[in-house]
Amino acid sequence: FAKAGEAAQKGIAFDPAQEWIKTNLASSYLFTGQWDKAKAIYLELKDKTYNEKKFRDIFLEDLNALEKAGITHPDTAKVRELLKEP
């Protein structure tokens, strides 16, 4: 996840308009124990739309895919709570 975070940061630096890259950065922060940084991205993007889909749903799909692959983190419950529909 650290390498994924580095790649995401490079991508964002190259083209900051590509907000979807931040989904990878949020996962990187989450799985490397940087909850505050991950939370900031989740809150920033959760209600925005990308390709007619809410980032909230994209984040949750990513978490589901990781968990299905056996990759978990204790803070995923906090993410799910944070991303609940208002």
C-alpha atoms as a PDB file:
ATOM      1  CA  PHE A   1       0.000   0.000   0.000  1.00  0.00           C
ATOM      2  CA  ALA A   2       2.933   2.341   0.552  1.00  0.00           C
ATOM      3  CA  LYS A   3       4.034   1.942  -3.080  1.00  0.00           C
ATOM      4  CA  ALA A   4       0.458   2.468  -4.261  1.00  0.00           C
ATOM      5  CA  GLY A   5       0.364   5.674  -2.235  1.00  0.00           C
ATOM      6  CA  GLU A   6       3.583   6.893  -3.821  1.00  0.00           C
ATOM      7  CA  ALA A   7       2.223   6.170  -7.296  1.00  0.00           C
ATOM      8  CA  ALA A   8      -1.042   7.962  -6.465  1.00  0.00           C
ATOM      9  CA  GLN A   9       0.818  11.024  -5.209  1.00  0.00           C
ATOM     10  CA  LYS A  10       2.833  11.155  -8.429  1.00  0.00           C
ATOM     11  CA  GLY A  11      -0.347  10.862 -10.480  1.00  0.00           C
ATOM     12  CA  ILE A  12      -2.036  13.652  -8.543  1.00  0.00           C
ATOM     13  CA  ALA A  13       1.034  15.853  -8.894  1.00  0.00           C
ATOM     14  CA  PHE A  14       1.024  15.209 -12.653  1.00  0.00           C
ATOM     15  CA  ASP A  15      -2.700  15.930 -13.081  1.00  0.00           C
ATOM     16  CA  PRO A  16      -4.511  17.241  -9.977  1.00  0.00           C
ATOM     17  CA  ALA A  17      -7.822  17.306 -11.873  1.00  0.00           C
ATOM     18  CA  GLN A  18      -7.917  13.498 -11.854  1.00  0.00           C
ATOM     19  CA  GLU A  19      -9.661  13.166  -8.496  1.00  0.00           C
ATOM     20  CA  TRP A  20     -10.253   9.435  -8.983  1.00  0.00           C
ATOM     21  CA  ILE A  21      -6.567   8.882  -8.196  1.00  0.00           C
ATOM     22  CA  LYS A  22      -7.331   9.963  -4.651  1.00  0.00           C
ATOM     23  CA  THR A  23      -9.362   6.781  -4.155  1.00  0.00           C
ATOM     24  CA  ASN A  24      -6.085   4.854  -4.339  1.00  0.00           C
ATOM     25  CA  LEU A  25      -4.397   7.350  -2.062  1.00  0.00           C
ATOM     26  CA  ALA A  26      -7.172   7.004   0.526  1.00  0.00           C
ATOM     27  CA  SER A  27      -6.767   3.214   0.524  1.00  0.00           C
ATOM     28  CA  SER A  28      -3.025   3.595   0.865  1.00  0.00           C
ATOM     29  CA  TYR A  29      -3.417   5.901   3.842  1.00  0.00           C
ATOM     30  CA  LEU A  30      -6.003   3.632   5.444  1.00  0.00           C
ATOM     31  CA  PHE A  31      -3.944   0.477   5.133  1.00  0.00           C
ATOM     32  CA  THR A  32      -0.717   2.146   6.278  1.00  0.00           C
ATOM     33  CA  GLY A  33      -2.322   3.446   9.479  1.00  0.00           C
ATOM     34  CA  GLN A  34      -2.756   7.065   8.439  1.00  0.00           C
ATOM     35  CA  TRP A  35      -6.436   7.351   9.372  1.00  0.00           C
ATOM     36  CA  ASP A  36      -6.582  11.157   9.527  1.00  0.00           C
ATOM     37  CA  LYS A  37      -5.245  11.510   5.988  1.00  0.00           C
ATOM     38  CA  ALA A  38      -7.555   8.796   4.671  1.00  0.00           C
ATOM     39  CA  LYS A  39     -10.540  10.345   6.447  1.00  0.00           C
ATOM     40  CA  ALA A  40      -9.828  13.742   4.891  1.00  0.00           C
ATOM     41  CA  ILE A  41      -9.988  12.235   1.394  1.00  0.00           C
ATOM     42  CA  TYR A  42     -13.137  10.256   2.147  1.00  0.00           C
ATOM     43  CA  LEU A  43     -14.843  13.394   3.430  1.00  0.00           C
ATOM     44  CA  GLU A  44     -13.589  15.513   0.532  1.00  0.00           C
ATOM     45  CA  LEU A  45     -14.875  13.192  -2.171  1.00  0.00           C
ATOM     46  CA  LYS A  46     -17.706  11.063  -0.774  1.00  0.00           C
ATOM     47  CA  ASP A  47     -20.532  13.209  -2.164  1.00  0.00           C
ATOM     48  CA  LYS A  48     -18.850  14.067  -5.465  1.00  0.00           C
ATOM     49  CA  THR A  49     -19.570  12.164  -8.648  1.00  0.00           C
ATOM     50  CA  TYR A  50     -17.171  10.417 -11.017  1.00  0.00           C
ATOM     51  CA  ASN A  51     -18.530   8.862 -14.219  1.00  0.00           C
ATOM     52  CA  GLU A  52     -22.098   9.163 -12.930  1.00  0.00           C
ATOM     53  CA  LYS A  53     -21.225   7.323  -9.716  1.00  0.00           C
ATOM     54  CA  LYS A  54     -20.739   8.753  -6.234  1.00  0.00           C
ATOM     55  CA  PHE A  55     -17.239   8.429  -4.869  1.00  0.00           C
ATOM     56  CA  ARG A  56     -18.902   7.056  -1.713  1.00  0.00           C
ATOM     57  CA  ASP A  57     -19.941   3.994  -3.730  1.00  0.00           C
ATOM     58  CA  ILE A  58     -16.534   3.676  -5.379  1.00  0.00           C
ATOM     59  CA  PHE A  59     -14.819   3.710  -1.974  1.00  0.00           C
ATOM     60  CA  LEU A  60     -17.182   1.044  -0.659  1.00  0.00           C
ATOM     61  CA  GLU A  61     -16.708  -1.138  -3.746  1.00  0.00           C
ATOM     62  CA  ASP A  62     -12.936  -0.913  -3.267  1.00  0.00           C
ATOM     63  CA  LEU A  63     -13.239  -1.937   0.388  1.00  0.00           C
ATOM     64  CA  ASN A  64     -15.519  -4.836  -0.528  1.00  0.00           C
ATOM     65  CA  ALA A  65     -13.067  -6.066  -3.178  1.00  0.00           C
ATOM     66  CA  LEU A  66     -10.137  -5.877  -0.767  1.00  0.00           C
ATOM     67  CA  GLU A  67     -12.046  -7.688   1.959  1.00  0.00           C
ATOM     68  CA  LYS A  68     -13.142 -10.363  -0.510  1.00  0.00           C
ATOM     69  CA  ALA A  69      -9.454 -10.853  -1.304  1.00  0.00           C
ATOM     70  CA  GLY A  70      -8.729 -11.255   2.415  1.00  0.00           C
ATOM     71  CA  ILE A  71      -7.215  -7.813   2.892  1.00  0.00           C
ATOM     72  CA  THR A  72      -8.653  -6.080   5.929  1.00  0.00           C
ATOM     73  CA  HIS A  73      -7.842  -3.349   8.419  1.00  0.00           C
ATOM     74  CA  PRO A  74      -9.448  -2.499  11.754  1.00  0.00           C
ATOM     75  CA  ASP A  75     -10.354   1.003  10.525  1.00  0.00           C
ATOM     76  CA  THR A  76     -12.534  -0.203   7.645  1.00  0.00           C
ATOM     77  CA  ALA A  77     -15.515  -0.116  10.012  1.00  0.00           C
ATOM     78  CA  LYS A  78     -14.809   3.584  10.586  1.00  0.00           C
ATOM     79  CA  VAL A  79     -14.721   4.152   6.836  1.00  0.00           C
ATOM     80  CA  ARG A  80     -18.060   2.415   6.358  1.00  0.00           C
ATOM     81  CA  GLU A  81     -19.592   4.525   9.122  1.00  0.00           C
ATOM     82  CA  LEU A  82     -18.139   7.708   7.628  1.00  0.00           C
ATOM     83  CA  LEU A  83     -19.508   6.893   4.181  1.00  0.00           C
ATOM     84  CA  LYS A  84     -23.067   6.118   5.262  1.00  0.00           C
ATOM     85  CA  GLU A  85     -25.741   7.963   3.340  1.00  0.00           C
ATOM     86  CA  PRO A  86     -26.840  11.106   5.188  1.00  0.00           C
END
